[in-house]
């Protein structure tokens, strides 16, 4: 990607090195959860496709997302020598430029999200963020959370190297922020609460695939504005979408595929919807909730 001359975002919070944890557990909602409970949540996430924050909420006795009582460690700007952090900051800035333009064209005002860099774990408005969850978006504080070691895992474990693969991950999480601003996330959450498990999972899949499509819209529009893509970049993003499909992850984790437990979509679906956004650059083409075929 040609990002050397691009600006960096002012919306980066670097919490790495700030320290977090201790005190015998994490206070979530009305109770204190120990490290054993957190491990259970992560295992459930890995093998069953359940959001660890949801498990922590249930184990903590809360309804919906638990509130975290700890204050976040002090944030600072990434050091100039940290090339990966600076790259992420430039990608975030490009999403700001793109979505500001899209929202302005529709008579709306885009609220730029913060992106938090952390190591290991960090408090969020949605519960305690864990590196094992991978990058995620919290609608409660409108922040994207990333432990940058995920990019090494993306390359080494998932065999999806390249800067555009990393940029796709950031753009996907920002896509969730766009969904939140448009009220889509709240509608889906309300529908999931009324639905059975299989239907709730199906709704989550449509939400995630729409975020993939929105990431594609970002890629198309950003390249049109700034000519940032180089040969092989698109293939890198498609490789990342393929690598983190539910079917691929379940096959690796448990040796079998359970489609009714999908929460993000298959590799084929994730590639298809990213490509749809990238080929059209049109947010209106990303309505996965009305699509007869995912």
Protein backbone atom coordinates (compact mmCIF):
# COMPACT_ATOMS: atom_id res chain seq x y z
CA UNK A 1 0.00 0.00 0.00
CA UNK A 2 1.16 3.50 -0.79
CA UNK A 3 0.65 5.17 2.61
CA UNK A 4 3.97 6.93 3.22
CA UNK A 5 2.63 10.40 2.45
CA UNK A 6 -0.75 9.93 4.14
CA UNK A 7 -1.68 11.70 7.36
CA UNK A 8 -2.05 9.97 10.71
CA UNK A 9 -5.25 10.05 12.74
CA UNK A 10 -5.63 12.09 15.91
CA UNK A 11 -8.00 9.42 17.26
CA UNK A 12 -5.41 6.86 18.39
CA UNK A 13 -5.17 5.87 22.06
CA UNK A 14 -2.04 3.87 22.83
CA UNK A 15 -2.54 2.05 26.14
CA UNK A 16 0.37 -0.32 25.69
CA UNK A 17 2.67 -0.30 28.66
CA UNK A 18 0.02 1.31 30.84
CA UNK A 19 -0.59 -1.80 32.91
CA UNK A 20 -3.93 -3.45 33.68
CA UNK A 21 -5.15 -6.25 35.90
CA UNK A 22 -4.40 -7.43 39.42
CA UNK A 23 -6.64 -7.08 42.43
CA UNK A 24 -7.86 -10.70 42.38
CA UNK A 25 -10.12 -10.43 39.36
CA UNK A 26 -12.17 -8.10 37.21
CA UNK A 27 -15.32 -6.46 38.43
CA UNK A 28 -17.97 -6.78 35.73
CA UNK A 29 -21.52 -5.68 36.38
CA UNK A 30 -22.44 -6.75 39.89
CA UNK A 31 -19.71 -9.32 40.63
CA UNK A 32 -16.02 -10.02 40.51
CA UNK A 33 -14.76 -12.47 37.92
CA UNK A 34 -11.47 -14.31 38.35
CA UNK A 35 -8.99 -15.40 35.74
CA UNK A 36 -10.57 -18.87 35.60
CA UNK A 37 -13.85 -17.37 34.48
CA UNK A 38 -12.08 -15.39 31.79
CA UNK A 39 -10.42 -18.58 30.53
CA UNK A 40 -13.83 -20.27 30.32
CA UNK A 41 -15.12 -17.36 28.26
CA UNK A 42 -12.19 -17.53 25.87
CA UNK A 43 -12.55 -21.29 25.43
CA UNK A 44 -16.26 -20.87 24.69
CA UNK A 45 -15.40 -18.22 22.13
CA UNK A 46 -12.75 -20.32 20.41
CA UNK A 47 -14.65 -23.59 20.13
CA UNK A 48 -18.30 -22.53 20.08
CA UNK A 49 -18.16 -19.24 18.20
CA UNK A 50 -19.59 -17.29 21.16
CA UNK A 51 -18.51 -13.73 21.85
CA UNK A 52 -16.37 -13.84 25.03
CA UNK A 53 -17.94 -10.59 26.23
CA UNK A 54 -21.36 -12.24 26.09
CA UNK A 55 -20.12 -15.18 28.17
CA UNK A 56 -18.52 -12.86 30.73
CA UNK A 57 -21.77 -10.93 30.95
CA UNK A 58 -23.78 -14.08 31.67
CA UNK A 59 -21.25 -15.42 34.18
CA UNK A 60 -21.15 -12.05 35.88
CA UNK A 61 -24.90 -12.04 36.31
CA UNK A 62 -25.51 -9.09 34.04
CA UNK A 63 -27.86 -8.58 31.15
CA UNK A 64 -26.37 -7.40 27.88
CA UNK A 65 -22.85 -6.02 27.96
CA UNK A 66 -21.30 -5.72 31.43
CA UNK A 67 -20.01 -2.42 32.72
CA UNK A 68 -16.36 -2.24 33.68
CA UNK A 69 -15.52 -0.39 36.85
CA UNK A 70 -11.76 -0.06 36.31
CA UNK A 71 -10.52 3.06 34.67
CA UNK A 72 -8.45 2.65 31.54
CA UNK A 73 -4.68 3.11 31.78
CA UNK A 74 -3.34 6.44 30.57
CA UNK A 75 -3.29 6.73 26.79
CA UNK A 76 -0.54 8.30 24.74
CA UNK A 77 0.45 8.63 21.11
CA UNK A 78 2.41 5.77 19.51
CA UNK A 79 6.14 6.50 19.25
CA UNK A 80 7.35 7.64 15.80
CA UNK A 81 9.54 4.53 15.57
CA UNK A 82 6.55 2.17 15.80
CA UNK A 83 5.88 1.59 12.11
CA UNK A 84 2.94 -0.78 12.60
CA UNK A 85 1.13 1.62 14.91
CA UNK A 86 1.77 4.49 12.52
CA UNK A 87 0.41 2.40 9.64
CA UNK A 88 -2.75 1.63 11.61
CA UNK A 89 -3.09 5.33 12.41
CA UNK A 90 -2.88 6.18 8.70
CA UNK A 91 -5.47 3.53 7.83
CA UNK A 92 -7.79 4.95 10.50
CA UNK A 93 -7.29 8.43 9.04
CA UNK A 94 -8.25 7.11 5.61
CA UNK A 95 -11.47 5.64 7.03
CA UNK A 96 -12.23 9.03 8.56
CA UNK A 97 -11.82 10.76 5.20
CA UNK A 98 -13.93 8.17 3.38
CA UNK A 99 -16.81 7.94 5.84
CA UNK A 100 -16.93 11.68 6.43
CA UNK A 101 -17.47 12.05 2.69
CA UNK A 102 -20.11 9.29 2.50
CA UNK A 103 -22.08 10.62 5.46
CA UNK A 104 -21.85 14.21 4.24
CA UNK A 105 -23.24 13.18 0.84
CA UNK A 106 -26.31 11.73 2.56
CA UNK A 107 -26.86 14.75 4.80
CA UNK A 108 -25.46 13.10 7.92
CA UNK A 109 -22.52 13.90 10.17
CA UNK A 110 -19.94 11.19 10.75
CA UNK A 111 -18.67 10.76 14.30
CA UNK A 112 -15.10 9.50 14.14
CA UNK A 113 -14.31 6.53 16.39
CA UNK A 114 -11.27 6.18 18.60
CA UNK A 115 -8.87 3.29 18.01
CA UNK A 116 -7.21 1.82 21.09
CA UNK A 117 -3.90 -0.03 20.93
CA UNK A 118 -3.49 -2.38 23.89
CA UNK A 119 -1.44 -5.36 25.03
CA UNK A 120 -3.00 -8.42 26.61
CA UNK A 121 -6.15 -6.96 28.10
CA UNK A 122 -7.82 -3.60 28.61
CA UNK A 123 -11.07 -2.27 30.10
CA UNK A 124 -13.81 -1.24 27.68
CA UNK A 125 -17.43 -0.16 27.97
CA UNK A 126 -18.36 -3.63 26.69
CA UNK A 127 -16.38 -5.62 29.24
CA UNK A 128 -12.73 -6.55 29.48
CA UNK A 129 -11.05 -6.70 26.10
CA UNK A 130 -8.71 -9.66 25.61
CA UNK A 131 -6.03 -10.06 22.96
CA UNK A 132 -7.35 -13.59 22.34
CA UNK A 133 -10.61 -12.10 21.03
CA UNK A 134 -8.82 -10.48 18.13
CA UNK A 135 -9.68 -6.92 17.07
CA UNK A 136 -13.18 -5.79 18.05
CA UNK A 137 -15.49 -2.77 18.17
CA UNK A 138 -17.33 -1.68 21.30
CA UNK A 139 -20.51 0.34 20.59
CA UNK A 140 -20.70 1.40 24.24
CA UNK A 141 -17.71 3.72 23.92
CA UNK A 142 -17.50 3.83 20.10
CA UNK A 143 -13.93 2.54 20.08
CA UNK A 144 -12.05 -0.04 18.04
CA UNK A 145 -9.64 -2.18 20.06
CA UNK A 146 -6.57 -3.88 18.61
CA UNK A 147 -3.65 -5.75 20.11
CA UNK A 148 -1.12 -5.42 17.30
CA UNK A 149 0.20 -8.93 17.90
CA UNK A 150 -2.91 -10.02 15.98
CA UNK A 151 -1.24 -8.89 12.76
CA UNK A 152 1.62 -11.31 13.40
CA UNK A 153 -0.95 -14.04 13.99
CA UNK A 154 -2.73 -13.03 10.80
CA UNK A 155 0.51 -13.58 8.90
CA UNK A 156 1.90 -16.65 10.67
CA UNK A 157 -1.20 -18.60 11.74
CA UNK A 158 -3.70 -17.54 9.11
CA UNK A 159 -1.21 -17.13 6.25
CA UNK A 160 -2.62 -13.73 5.29
CA UNK A 161 0.33 -11.32 5.14
CA UNK A 162 0.42 -7.87 3.63
CA UNK A 163 -0.50 -4.35 4.62
CA UNK A 164 -3.88 -4.40 2.91
CA UNK A 165 -4.80 -7.51 4.91
CA UNK A 166 -4.11 -5.48 8.06
CA UNK A 167 -5.99 -2.50 6.68
CA UNK A 168 -8.98 -4.72 5.91
CA UNK A 169 -9.12 -5.77 9.57
CA UNK A 170 -9.20 -2.13 10.71
CA UNK A 171 -11.76 -1.18 8.05
CA UNK A 172 -14.01 -4.09 9.06
CA UNK A 173 -14.12 -2.91 12.68
CA UNK A 174 -14.75 0.67 11.56
CA UNK A 175 -17.57 -0.81 9.49
CA UNK A 176 -19.17 -1.89 12.76
CA UNK A 177 -18.90 1.72 13.92
CA UNK A 178 -20.73 2.84 10.78
CA UNK A 179 -23.45 0.28 11.52
CA UNK A 180 -23.70 1.63 15.05
CA UNK A 181 -24.08 5.23 13.85
CA UNK A 182 -26.79 4.20 11.38
CA UNK A 183 -28.76 2.36 14.07
CA UNK A 184 -28.28 -1.03 12.42
CA UNK A 185 -26.43 -2.57 15.36
CA UNK A 186 -29.20 -1.67 17.83
CA UNK A 187 -31.85 -3.14 15.55
CA UNK A 188 -29.93 -6.38 15.19
CA UNK A 189 -29.26 -6.62 18.91
CA UNK A 190 -32.96 -6.15 19.67
CA UNK A 191 -33.89 -8.80 17.11
CA UNK A 192 -31.30 -11.22 18.50
CA UNK A 193 -32.75 -10.91 21.99
CA UNK A 194 -36.16 -12.00 20.67
CA UNK A 195 -34.76 -14.84 18.56
CA UNK A 196 -33.67 -18.38 19.21
CA UNK A 197 -30.00 -19.32 19.17
CA UNK A 198 -29.82 -20.35 15.51
CA UNK A 199 -31.70 -17.25 14.31
CA UNK A 200 -29.60 -15.00 16.56
CA UNK A 201 -26.42 -16.46 15.06
CA UNK A 202 -27.81 -15.93 11.55
CA UNK A 203 -28.43 -12.26 12.35
CA UNK A 204 -24.87 -11.92 13.62
CA UNK A 205 -23.59 -13.39 10.36
CA UNK A 206 -25.49 -10.80 8.34
CA UNK A 207 -24.14 -8.02 10.56
CA UNK A 208 -20.56 -9.23 10.11
CA UNK A 209 -20.88 -9.70 6.36
CA UNK A 210 -22.24 -6.19 6.06
CA UNK A 211 -19.15 -4.92 7.91
CA UNK A 212 -17.04 -6.82 5.36
CA UNK A 213 -18.93 -5.09 2.56
CA UNK A 214 -18.43 -1.70 4.21
CA UNK A 215 -14.70 -2.46 4.42
CA UNK A 216 -14.80 -3.06 0.68
CA UNK A 217 -16.57 0.28 0.16
CA UNK A 218 -13.79 1.96 2.13
CA UNK A 219 -11.13 0.24 0.00
CA UNK A 220 -12.73 1.27 -3.28
CA UNK A 221 -13.39 4.88 -2.31
CA UNK A 222 -10.04 5.40 -0.61
CA UNK A 223 -8.15 4.07 -3.60
CA UNK A 224 -10.21 6.28 -5.91
CA UNK A 225 -9.33 9.33 -3.82
CA UNK A 226 -5.70 8.59 -3.02
CA UNK A 227 -4.48 5.79 -5.31
CA UNK A 228 -3.13 3.78 -2.38
CA UNK A 229 -3.37 0.24 -3.75
CA UNK A 230 -0.52 -1.65 -5.37
CA UNK A 231 -0.54 -4.97 -7.26
CA UNK A 232 -1.35 -7.81 -4.89
CA UNK A 233 -3.07 -5.67 -2.27
CA UNK A 234 -6.60 -6.78 -3.12
CA UNK A 235 -5.49 -10.41 -3.05
CA UNK A 236 -4.06 -9.83 0.45
CA UNK A 237 -7.40 -8.57 1.73
CA UNK A 238 -9.24 -11.49 0.15
CA UNK A 239 -6.78 -13.90 1.74
CA UNK A 240 -7.49 -12.35 5.14
CA UNK A 241 -11.26 -12.60 4.61
CA UNK A 242 -10.82 -16.23 3.63
CA UNK A 243 -8.58 -17.06 6.57
CA UNK A 244 -11.01 -15.84 9.23
CA UNK A 245 -14.19 -17.39 7.87
CA UNK A 246 -16.13 -19.41 10.46
CA UNK A 247 -15.80 -22.64 8.48
CA UNK A 248 -12.02 -22.30 8.23
CA UNK A 249 -11.63 -21.44 11.92
CA UNK A 250 -13.93 -24.22 13.10
CA UNK A 251 -12.14 -26.78 10.96
CA UNK A 252 -8.81 -25.73 12.47
CA UNK A 253 -10.11 -25.61 16.05
CA UNK A 254 -12.35 -28.65 16.30
CA UNK A 255 -11.91 -30.62 13.10
CA UNK A 256 -15.49 -30.16 11.96
CA UNK A 257 -17.77 -27.42 10.66
CA UNK A 258 -21.05 -26.49 12.37
CA UNK A 259 -22.83 -23.96 10.10
CA UNK A 260 -25.65 -23.24 12.57
CA UNK A 261 -23.06 -21.90 15.01
CA UNK A 262 -21.54 -19.46 12.51
CA UNK A 263 -21.41 -15.87 13.78
CA UNK A 264 -19.25 -14.19 11.09
CA UNK A 265 -19.93 -16.12 7.89
CA UNK A 266 -18.02 -18.63 5.83
CA UNK A 267 -14.81 -17.78 4.00
CA UNK A 268 -16.70 -17.72 0.70
CA UNK A 269 -19.34 -15.37 2.08
CA UNK A 270 -16.82 -13.00 3.61
CA UNK A 271 -14.90 -12.77 0.35
CA UNK A 272 -18.10 -12.29 -1.67
CA UNK A 273 -19.36 -9.38 0.42
CA UNK A 274 -15.99 -7.65 0.65
CA UNK A 275 -15.69 -7.88 -3.12
CA UNK A 276 -19.22 -6.53 -3.54
CA UNK A 277 -18.35 -3.43 -1.55
CA UNK A 278 -15.01 -3.06 -3.27
CA UNK A 279 -16.40 -3.45 -6.78
CA UNK A 280 -19.29 -1.01 -6.29
CA UNK A 281 -18.02 1.46 -3.69
CA UNK A 282 -21.70 1.86 -2.82
CA UNK A 283 -22.95 1.52 0.75
CA UNK A 284 -26.43 0.78 -0.60
CA UNK A 285 -25.12 -2.48 -2.06
CA UNK A 286 -24.26 -3.74 1.44
CA UNK A 287 -27.75 -4.57 2.69
CA UNK A 288 -27.09 -8.15 3.76
CA UNK A 289 -30.36 -8.20 5.70
CA UNK A 290 -32.43 -8.16 2.52
CA UNK A 291 -30.15 -10.46 0.54
CA UNK A 292 -31.70 -13.80 -0.40
CA UNK A 293 -28.22 -15.31 -0.85
CA UNK A 294 -25.30 -14.56 1.42
